[in-house]
Amino acid sequence: MRYRQATAEDADAIAQLHADSWRRTYRGAFSDEFLDGPVVGERRTVWAERLSRPAAPTYTVVADDDGVVVGFAHTVFDDDPVWGALLDNLHVVHGLKRQGVGRRLMARSAQAVVEREARSGLYLWVLQQNITAQAFYEAIGGDRVGEGVSHPPGGGTAPTFRYAWPDPAALSIGAG
């Protein structure tokens, strides 16, 4: 497994993985019409834009297994003056969950935050229904520090929790 910065050529693979992850995890939070319909095309548009013309300073890392993208994390630097950098996405192919890929993607993202913003924290939003992800974030030292509401593509709203790491350097250990 190789961890590397994503390129524009990864947009389709990332979009496919992202859509599959949403379909498996977000039933009941995102509309079935969206998940069963335009989710792949919508994600392709988002990822093509993010990787070719980023709107903000970002870092996207992929887990590459012999040329196949099997996980990714997308971080937006300078996102919030209080919480720091936003880990906007973290997804791993279903068959490789619980094998350390997500932990290593988090470590790489945290390392990028530390290298770029010495005093910045790292935070993310997770849907309240995603109990598995919450357990993962807590296991790697994330603190639940707030609640919010997400407005997913396709319409509607979904309740969320904010998880934060005031010192992302602790997460970056082992990123090498």
Foldseek 3Di string as FASTA:
>chain_A
DDKDWDALVCQLLVLVQVLVVCLVFVVVFADPCCSVPCSSVVSSVVSNCCRPPNPADKTKMFDADPNHTFWMWIKGAPPDPVFGIEGEDTGGHPVCPPVCPSLLNLLVRLVVRCVVPVQHKYKYKDFPSRVVVVVVCVVLPWDFDAKDWDADPNGDITIITMTIDSRSNSSNVPND
